C-alpha atoms as a PDB file:
ATOM      1  CA  SER A   1     -14.391   1.519  -3.703  1.00  0.00           C
ATOM      2  CA  MET A   2     -16.649   0.145  -0.999  1.00  0.00           C
ATOM      3  CA  ALA A   3     -18.246  -2.114  -3.615  1.00  0.00           C
ATOM      4  CA  ALA A   4     -14.842  -3.662  -4.373  1.00  0.00           C
ATOM      5  CA  PHE A   5     -14.075  -4.157  -0.694  1.00  0.00           C
ATOM      6  CA  ARG A   6     -17.434  -5.848  -0.114  1.00  0.00           C
ATOM      7  CA  LYS A   7     -16.807  -8.164  -3.062  1.00  0.00           C
ATOM      8  CA  ALA A   8     -13.327  -9.088  -1.809  1.00  0.00           C
ATOM      9  CA  LYS A   9     -14.755  -9.828   1.638  1.00  0.00           C
ATOM     10  CA  GLU A  10     -17.465 -11.971   0.068  1.00  0.00           C
ATOM     11  CA  LEU A  11     -14.856 -13.983  -1.863  1.00  0.00           C
ATOM     12  CA  GLY A  12     -12.567 -14.309   1.154  1.00  0.00           C
ATOM     13  CA  TYR A  13      -9.642 -12.390  -0.326  1.00  0.00           C
ATOM     14  CA  GLY A  14      -7.268 -10.360   1.811  1.00  0.00           C
ATOM     15  CA  ILE A  15      -7.295  -6.695   0.791  1.00  0.00           C
ATOM     16  CA  GLU A  16      -4.435  -4.328  -0.044  1.00  0.00           C
ATOM     17  CA  LEU A  17      -5.467  -0.680   0.154  1.00  0.00           C
ATOM     18  CA  ASP A  18      -3.834   2.746   0.210  1.00  0.00           C
ATOM     19  CA  VAL A  19      -4.521   5.467   2.756  1.00  0.00           C
ATOM     20  CA  GLN A  20      -3.805   9.192   2.630  1.00  0.00           C
ATOM     21  CA  LEU A  21      -5.067  12.412   4.179  1.00  0.00           C
ATOM     22  CA  THR A  22      -7.489  14.982   2.868  1.00  0.00           C
ATOM     23  CA  LYS A  23      -7.001  18.704   3.420  1.00  0.00           C
ATOM     24  CA  ASP A  24      -8.963  18.464   6.671  1.00  0.00           C
ATOM     25  CA  HIS A  25      -6.974  15.392   7.809  1.00  0.00           C
ATOM     26  CA  VAL A  26      -9.564  12.706   7.156  1.00  0.00           C
ATOM     27  CA  ILE A  27      -7.996   9.341   6.270  1.00  0.00           C
ATOM     28  CA  VAL A  28      -9.388   8.171   2.931  1.00  0.00           C
ATOM     29  CA  VAL A  29      -8.671   5.143   0.766  1.00  0.00           C
ATOM     30  CA  HIS A  30      -7.343   5.967  -2.682  1.00  0.00           C
ATOM     31  CA  HIS A  31      -4.337   4.765  -4.665  1.00  0.00           C
ATOM     32  CA  ASP A  32      -3.224   7.871  -6.568  1.00  0.00           C
ATOM     33  CA  TYR A  33      -2.256  11.146  -4.949  1.00  0.00           C
ATOM     34  CA  ASP A  34      -4.424  12.938  -7.507  1.00  0.00           C
ATOM     35  CA  LEU A  35      -7.874  12.331  -9.009  1.00  0.00           C
ATOM     36  CA  VAL A  36      -6.935  12.453 -12.693  1.00  0.00           C
ATOM     37  CA  ARG A  37      -6.974   8.734 -13.475  1.00  0.00           C
ATOM     38  CA  THR A  38      -9.877   7.644 -11.291  1.00  0.00           C
ATOM     39  CA  CYS A  39     -12.148  10.668 -11.428  1.00  0.00           C
ATOM     40  CA  GLY A  40     -11.001  12.809 -14.353  1.00  0.00           C
ATOM     41  CA  VAL A  41     -10.372  15.769 -12.040  1.00  0.00           C
ATOM     42  CA  GLN A  42      -7.148  17.787 -11.978  1.00  0.00           C
ATOM     43  CA  LYS A  43      -6.941  17.919  -8.184  1.00  0.00           C
ATOM     44  CA  LYS A  44      -4.880  16.273  -5.445  1.00  0.00           C
ATOM     45  CA  ILE A  45      -6.599  14.605  -2.518  1.00  0.00           C
ATOM     46  CA  CYS A  46      -4.555  16.632  -0.026  1.00  0.00           C
ATOM     47  CA  ASP A  47      -5.976  19.847  -1.528  1.00  0.00           C
ATOM     48  CA  LEU A  48      -9.621  18.876  -0.980  1.00  0.00           C
ATOM     49  CA  THR A  49     -11.692  18.348   2.138  1.00  0.00           C
ATOM     50  CA  TYR A  50     -13.525  15.083   2.667  1.00  0.00           C
ATOM     51  CA  GLN A  51     -16.861  16.772   1.959  1.00  0.00           C
ATOM     52  CA  GLU A  52     -15.503  18.148  -1.312  1.00  0.00           C
ATOM     53  CA  LEU A  53     -14.337  14.648  -2.280  1.00  0.00           C
ATOM     54  CA  GLN A  54     -17.843  13.294  -1.743  1.00  0.00           C
ATOM     55  CA  LYS A  55     -19.075  15.393  -4.662  1.00  0.00           C
ATOM     56  CA  ILE A  56     -16.762  13.498  -7.046  1.00  0.00           C
ATOM     57  CA  SER A  57     -17.628  10.050  -8.401  1.00  0.00           C
ATOM     58  CA  LEU A  58     -15.208   7.171  -8.944  1.00  0.00           C
ATOM     59  CA  MET A  59     -14.873   6.043 -12.551  1.00  0.00           C
ATOM     60  CA  GLY A  60     -18.218   7.582 -13.478  1.00  0.00           C
ATOM     61  CA  THR A  61     -20.108   5.363 -11.019  1.00  0.00           C
ATOM     62  CA  GLU A  62     -22.122   6.225  -7.920  1.00  0.00           C
ATOM     63  CA  GLU A  63     -19.197   5.137  -5.742  1.00  0.00           C
ATOM     64  CA  ARG A  64     -17.234   7.746  -3.801  1.00  0.00           C
ATOM     65  CA  ILE A  65     -13.761   7.729  -2.254  1.00  0.00           C
ATOM     66  CA  PRO A  66     -14.352   6.072   1.139  1.00  0.00           C
ATOM     67  CA  ARG A  67     -13.073   6.947   4.576  1.00  0.00           C
ATOM     68  CA  PHE A  68     -10.647   4.436   6.038  1.00  0.00           C
ATOM     69  CA  ILE A  69     -12.770   4.048   9.153  1.00  0.00           C
ATOM     70  CA  ASP A  70     -15.795   3.105   7.033  1.00  0.00           C
ATOM     71  CA  VAL A  71     -13.762   0.457   5.212  1.00  0.00           C
ATOM     72  CA  LEU A  72     -12.670  -1.008   8.554  1.00  0.00           C
ATOM     73  CA  HIS A  73     -16.281  -1.140   9.719  1.00  0.00           C
ATOM     74  CA  GLU A  74     -17.277  -2.871   6.486  1.00  0.00           C
ATOM     75  CA  ILE A  75     -14.511  -5.492   6.602  1.00  0.00           C
ATOM     76  CA  ASP A  76     -14.905  -6.009  10.367  1.00  0.00           C
ATOM     77  CA  GLY A  77     -12.031  -8.462  10.605  1.00  0.00           C
ATOM     78  CA  LYS A  78     -13.507 -10.881   8.053  1.00  0.00           C
ATOM     79  CA  VAL A  79     -10.358 -10.829   5.856  1.00  0.00           C
ATOM     80  CA  PRO A  80      -6.781  -9.607   6.506  1.00  0.00           C
ATOM     81  CA  LEU A  81      -5.759  -6.086   5.469  1.00  0.00           C
ATOM     82  CA  LEU A  82      -2.495  -4.799   3.994  1.00  0.00           C
ATOM     83  CA  VAL A  83      -2.517  -1.037   4.565  1.00  0.00           C
ATOM     84  CA  GLU A  84      -0.190   1.106   2.445  1.00  0.00           C
ATOM     85  CA  LEU A  85       0.577   4.576   3.776  1.00  0.00           C
ATOM     86  CA  LYS A  86       0.902   7.153   1.000  1.00  0.00           C
ATOM     87  CA  MET A  87       3.446   9.695   2.248  1.00  0.00           C
ATOM     88  CA  GLU A  88       5.149  12.298   0.055  1.00  0.00           C
ATOM     89  CA  THR A  89       7.067  14.062   2.833  1.00  0.00           C
ATOM     90  CA  PHE A  90       8.447  13.389   6.319  1.00  0.00           C
ATOM     91  CA  ASN A  91       5.243  14.654   7.934  1.00  0.00           C
ATOM     92  CA  THR A  92       4.076  11.713  10.062  1.00  0.00           C
ATOM     93  CA  ARG A  93       0.527  12.893  10.744  1.00  0.00           C
ATOM     94  CA  LEU A  94      -0.775  10.099   8.500  1.00  0.00           C
ATOM     95  CA  CYS A  95       1.182   7.537  10.535  1.00  0.00           C
ATOM     96  CA  THR A  96      -0.175   8.869  13.816  1.00  0.00           C
ATOM     97  CA  LEU A  97      -3.805   9.014  12.703  1.00  0.00           C
ATOM     98  CA  THR A  98      -3.682   5.652  10.927  1.00  0.00           C
ATOM     99  CA  ALA A  99      -2.109   3.958  13.954  1.00  0.00           C
ATOM    100  CA  LYS A 100      -4.732   5.392  16.313  1.00  0.00           C
ATOM    101  CA  THR A 101      -7.500   4.228  13.979  1.00  0.00           C
ATOM    102  CA  LEU A 102      -6.038   0.722  13.745  1.00  0.00           C
ATOM    103  CA  ASP A 103      -5.538   0.512  17.517  1.00  0.00           C
ATOM    104  CA  ALA A 104      -9.298   0.092  17.833  1.00  0.00           C
ATOM    105  CA  TYR A 105      -9.552  -2.430  14.978  1.00  0.00           C
ATOM    106  CA  LYS A 106      -9.885  -6.094  15.958  1.00  0.00           C
ATOM    107  CA  GLY A 107      -9.054  -7.688  12.609  1.00  0.00           C
ATOM    108  CA  LEU A 108      -5.715  -8.863  11.219  1.00  0.00           C
ATOM    109  CA  TYR A 109      -3.632  -6.239   9.428  1.00  0.00           C
ATOM    110  CA  CYS A 110      -0.111  -5.133   8.606  1.00  0.00           C
ATOM    111  CA  ILE A 111       1.263  -1.946   7.077  1.00  0.00           C
ATOM    112  CA  GLU A 112       3.612  -1.055   4.237  1.00  0.00           C
ATOM    113  CA  SER A 113       4.935   2.071   2.549  1.00  0.00           C
ATOM    114  CA  PHE A 114       7.333   3.281  -0.112  1.00  0.00           C
ATOM    115  CA  HIS A 115       8.449   5.930   2.358  1.00  0.00           C
ATOM    116  CA  PRO A 116      11.075   4.439   4.720  1.00  0.00           C
ATOM    117  CA  TYR A 117      10.227   6.952   7.425  1.00  0.00           C
ATOM    118  CA  ALA A 118       6.679   5.582   7.635  1.00  0.00           C
ATOM    119  CA  VAL A 119       8.135   2.104   8.168  1.00  0.00           C
ATOM    120  CA  TYR A 120      10.518   3.516  10.788  1.00  0.00           C
ATOM    121  CA  TRP A 121       7.691   5.378  12.549  1.00  0.00           C
ATOM    122  CA  PHE A 122       5.766   2.140  13.049  1.00  0.00           C
ATOM    123  CA  LYS A 123       8.928   0.353  14.185  1.00  0.00           C
ATOM    124  CA  LYS A 124       9.380   3.008  16.867  1.00  0.00           C
ATOM    125  CA  HIS A 125       5.764   3.662  17.916  1.00  0.00           C
ATOM    126  CA  ARG A 126       3.951   0.394  17.073  1.00  0.00           C
ATOM    127  CA  PRO A 127       6.675  -2.278  17.147  1.00  0.00           C
ATOM    128  CA  GLN A 128       4.065  -5.023  17.431  1.00  0.00           C
ATOM    129  CA  VAL A 129       2.645  -4.170  13.988  1.00  0.00           C
ATOM    130  CA  ILE A 130       4.141  -6.124  11.075  1.00  0.00           C
ATOM    131  CA  ARG A 131       5.565  -3.637   8.569  1.00  0.00           C
ATOM    132  CA  GLY A 132       6.837  -3.861   5.004  1.00  0.00           C
ATOM    133  CA  GLN A 133       9.048  -1.775   2.734  1.00  0.00           C
ATOM    134  CA  LEU A 134       7.605  -1.227  -0.734  1.00  0.00           C
ATOM    135  CA  SER A 135       9.949  -0.647  -3.642  1.00  0.00           C
ATOM    136  CA  GLU A 136      10.667  -1.153  -7.313  1.00  0.00           C
ATOM    137  CA  GLN A 137      13.190  -0.154  -9.967  1.00  0.00           C
ATOM    138  CA  PHE A 138      12.005   3.457 -10.173  1.00  0.00           C
ATOM    139  CA  PHE A 139      14.378   4.509 -12.923  1.00  0.00           C
ATOM    140  CA  LYS A 140      13.316   1.694 -15.231  1.00  0.00           C
ATOM    141  CA  GLU A 141       9.694   2.643 -14.581  1.00  0.00           C
ATOM    142  CA  LYS A 142      10.582   6.304 -15.349  1.00  0.00           C
ATOM    143  CA  GLU A 143       9.638   7.482 -11.861  1.00  0.00           C
ATOM    144  CA  TRP A 144      12.508   9.708 -10.809  1.00  0.00           C
ATOM    145  CA  ASN A 145      11.108  12.956  -9.447  1.00  0.00           C
ATOM    146  CA  ASN A 146      13.565  12.747  -6.555  1.00  0.00           C
ATOM    147  CA  ILE A 147      16.604  10.840  -7.793  1.00  0.00           C
ATOM    148  CA  PRO A 148      18.580  10.545  -4.499  1.00  0.00           C
ATOM    149  CA  ALA A 149      15.533   9.410  -2.513  1.00  0.00           C
ATOM    150  CA  TYR A 150      14.429   6.919  -5.168  1.00  0.00           C
ATOM    151  CA  PHE A 151      17.966   5.535  -5.414  1.00  0.00           C
ATOM    152  CA  VAL A 152      17.970   4.855  -1.674  1.00  0.00           C
ATOM    153  CA  VAL A 153      14.541   3.192  -1.682  1.00  0.00           C
ATOM    154  CA  LYS A 154      15.206   1.228  -4.899  1.00  0.00           C
ATOM    155  CA  ASN A 155      18.259  -0.355  -3.335  1.00  0.00           C
ATOM    156  CA  LEU A 156      16.621  -0.842   0.076  1.00  0.00           C
ATOM    157  CA  LEU A 157      19.456   1.064   1.741  1.00  0.00           C
ATOM    158  CA  THR A 158      17.400   2.055   4.776  1.00  0.00           C
ATOM    159  CA  ASN A 159      16.578  -1.507   5.813  1.00  0.00           C
ATOM    160  CA  PHE A 160      19.310  -1.625   8.461  1.00  0.00           C
ATOM    161  CA  ILE A 161      17.506   1.227  10.240  1.00  0.00           C
ATOM    162  CA  THR A 162      13.833   0.519   9.544  1.00  0.00           C
ATOM    163  CA  LYS A 163      14.113  -3.288   9.962  1.00  0.00           C
ATOM    164  CA  PRO A 164      11.060  -4.173   7.823  1.00  0.00           C
ATOM    165  CA  ASP A 165       9.418  -7.534   8.452  1.00  0.00           C
ATOM    166  CA  PHE A 166       8.957  -8.052   4.719  1.00  0.00           C
ATOM    167  CA  ILE A 167       9.778  -6.481   1.359  1.00  0.00           C
ATOM    168  CA  ALA A 168       7.094  -5.864  -1.280  1.00  0.00           C
ATOM    169  CA  TYR A 169       8.797  -5.393  -4.660  1.00  0.00           C
ATOM    170  CA  HIS A 170       7.623  -5.081  -8.257  1.00  0.00           C
ATOM    171  CA  TYR A 171       7.607  -8.694  -9.427  1.00  0.00           C
ATOM    172  CA  LYS A 172       9.229  -7.858 -12.786  1.00  0.00           C
ATOM    173  CA  TYR A 173      12.493  -7.148 -10.956  1.00  0.00           C
ATOM    174  CA  LYS A 174      12.597 -10.335  -8.913  1.00  0.00           C
ATOM    175  CA  ASN A 175      16.261 -10.943  -9.736  1.00  0.00           C
ATOM    176  CA  CYS A 176      17.611  -7.461  -8.974  1.00  0.00           C
ATOM    177  CA  LEU A 177      20.621  -7.202  -6.658  1.00  0.00           C
ATOM    178  CA  PRO A 178      18.812  -5.629  -3.655  1.00  0.00           C
ATOM    179  CA  LEU A 179      16.379  -8.562  -3.517  1.00  0.00           C
ATOM    180  CA  LYS A 180      19.164 -11.118  -3.869  1.00  0.00           C
ATOM    181  CA  ILE A 181      20.896  -9.559  -0.868  1.00  0.00           C
ATOM    182  CA  CYS A 182      17.675  -9.541   1.172  1.00  0.00           C
ATOM    183  CA  ARG A 183      17.012 -13.181   0.345  1.00  0.00           C
ATOM    184  CA  LYS A 184      20.491 -14.602   0.924  1.00  0.00           C
ATOM    185  CA  ILE A 185      21.878 -12.439   3.716  1.00  0.00           C
ATOM    186  CA  TYR A 186      18.941 -11.017   5.673  1.00  0.00           C
ATOM    187  CA  HIS A 187      16.399 -13.764   4.889  1.00  0.00           C
ATOM    188  CA  VAL A 188      13.577 -11.229   4.700  1.00  0.00           C
ATOM    189  CA  PRO A 189      10.323 -12.520   3.128  1.00  0.00           C
ATOM    190  CA  ILE A 190       9.750 -11.036  -0.327  1.00  0.00           C
ATOM    191  CA  TYR A 191       6.265 -10.338  -1.689  1.00  0.00           C
ATOM    192  CA  GLY A 192       5.594  -9.543  -5.340  1.00  0.00           C
ATOM    193  CA  TRP A 193       3.292  -6.817  -6.662  1.00  0.00           C
ATOM    194  CA  THR A 194       1.126  -6.407  -8.643  1.00  0.00           C
ATOM    195  CA  PHE A 195       0.163  -9.495 -10.644  1.00  0.00           C
ATOM    196  CA  ARG A 196      -2.553  -8.676 -13.166  1.00  0.00           C
ATOM    197  CA  SER A 197      -2.927 -12.015 -14.918  1.00  0.00           C
ATOM    198  CA  GLU A 198      -3.004 -15.632 -13.817  1.00  0.00           C
ATOM    199  CA  LYS A 199      -0.307 -16.389 -16.386  1.00  0.00           C
ATOM    200  CA  GLU A 200       2.162 -13.987 -14.772  1.00  0.00           C
ATOM    201  CA  TYR A 201       1.211 -15.225 -11.324  1.00  0.00           C
ATOM    202  CA  LEU A 202       1.859 -18.875 -12.187  1.00  0.00           C
ATOM    203  CA  LYS A 203       5.126 -17.974 -13.902  1.00  0.00           C
ATOM    204  CA  ASN A 204       6.552 -16.054 -10.951  1.00  0.00           C
ATOM    205  CA  LYS A 205       4.880 -17.314  -7.779  1.00  0.00           C
ATOM    206  CA  ARG A 206       7.760 -19.623  -6.805  1.00  0.00           C
ATOM    207  CA  ASP A 207      10.071 -16.616  -6.534  1.00  0.00           C
ATOM    208  CA  PHE A 208       8.035 -14.927  -3.792  1.00  0.00           C
ATOM    209  CA  ASN A 209       6.762 -15.706  -0.321  1.00  0.00           C
ATOM    210  CA  GLY A 210       3.440 -14.075  -1.209  1.00  0.00           C
ATOM    211  CA  PHE A 211       1.842 -11.807  -3.764  1.00  0.00           C
ATOM    212  CA  ILE A 212      -0.520  -8.928  -4.422  1.00  0.00           C
ATOM    213  CA  PHE A 213      -2.854  -9.373  -7.374  1.00  0.00           C
ATOM    214  CA  GLU A 214      -5.831  -7.789  -9.092  1.00  0.00           C
ATOM    215  CA  ARG A 215      -8.222  -8.264 -12.030  1.00  0.00           C
ATOM    216  CA  PHE A 216      -8.357 -12.055 -11.876  1.00  0.00           C
ATOM    217  CA  HIS A 217      -9.490 -14.802  -9.525  1.00  0.00           C
ATOM    218  CA  ILE A 218      -7.214 -17.291  -7.787  1.00  0.00           C
ATOM    219  CA  ILE A 219      -8.821 -20.611  -6.979  1.00  0.00           C
ATOM    220  CA  PRO A 220      -7.388 -22.098  -3.752  1.00  0.00           C
END
């Protein structure tokens, strides 16, 4: 929400956020593809226009799902941004629109995605933008809607093509074989996500070059 982004800016924290397209191709910031968890509505964001989304509240508050451009105006370069592109298919419209929006942004940012083609698109069309490959052990997390695709991403098999600048992996699987290969052979920086307690952060921080966290404060 915009309230959360303002608070992060106030505290000086870099922000990780997820972008996706509405039915009328407006870039909005929302983690899930659907509105069930955050709004209690059985709808997908891609099936609603931006104006229709504005009628739905976030978590029962007065906050609404914000446009990406409005978030950029709010942050205004005050803290770095890690922008995750939420892509379910090989349609790169989100990549194109997000890149054009970020071209006019003066603050620090980098991009990441679970979808290797999004990472490849930025390698080809915005090579100056730092890009990361997101992944995890999908089968252990019982996320296997597309087994062949998840197998490829889980094992980071597209890295030789997409050439990500960093890997963002679920911190619970810090010792999995794909990460060991990336560390020892390719020397790619590894970032852990998502730490939700200071205890877990302190326990695992030495195993990562950086981290994504939520729900607790980190004192510099």
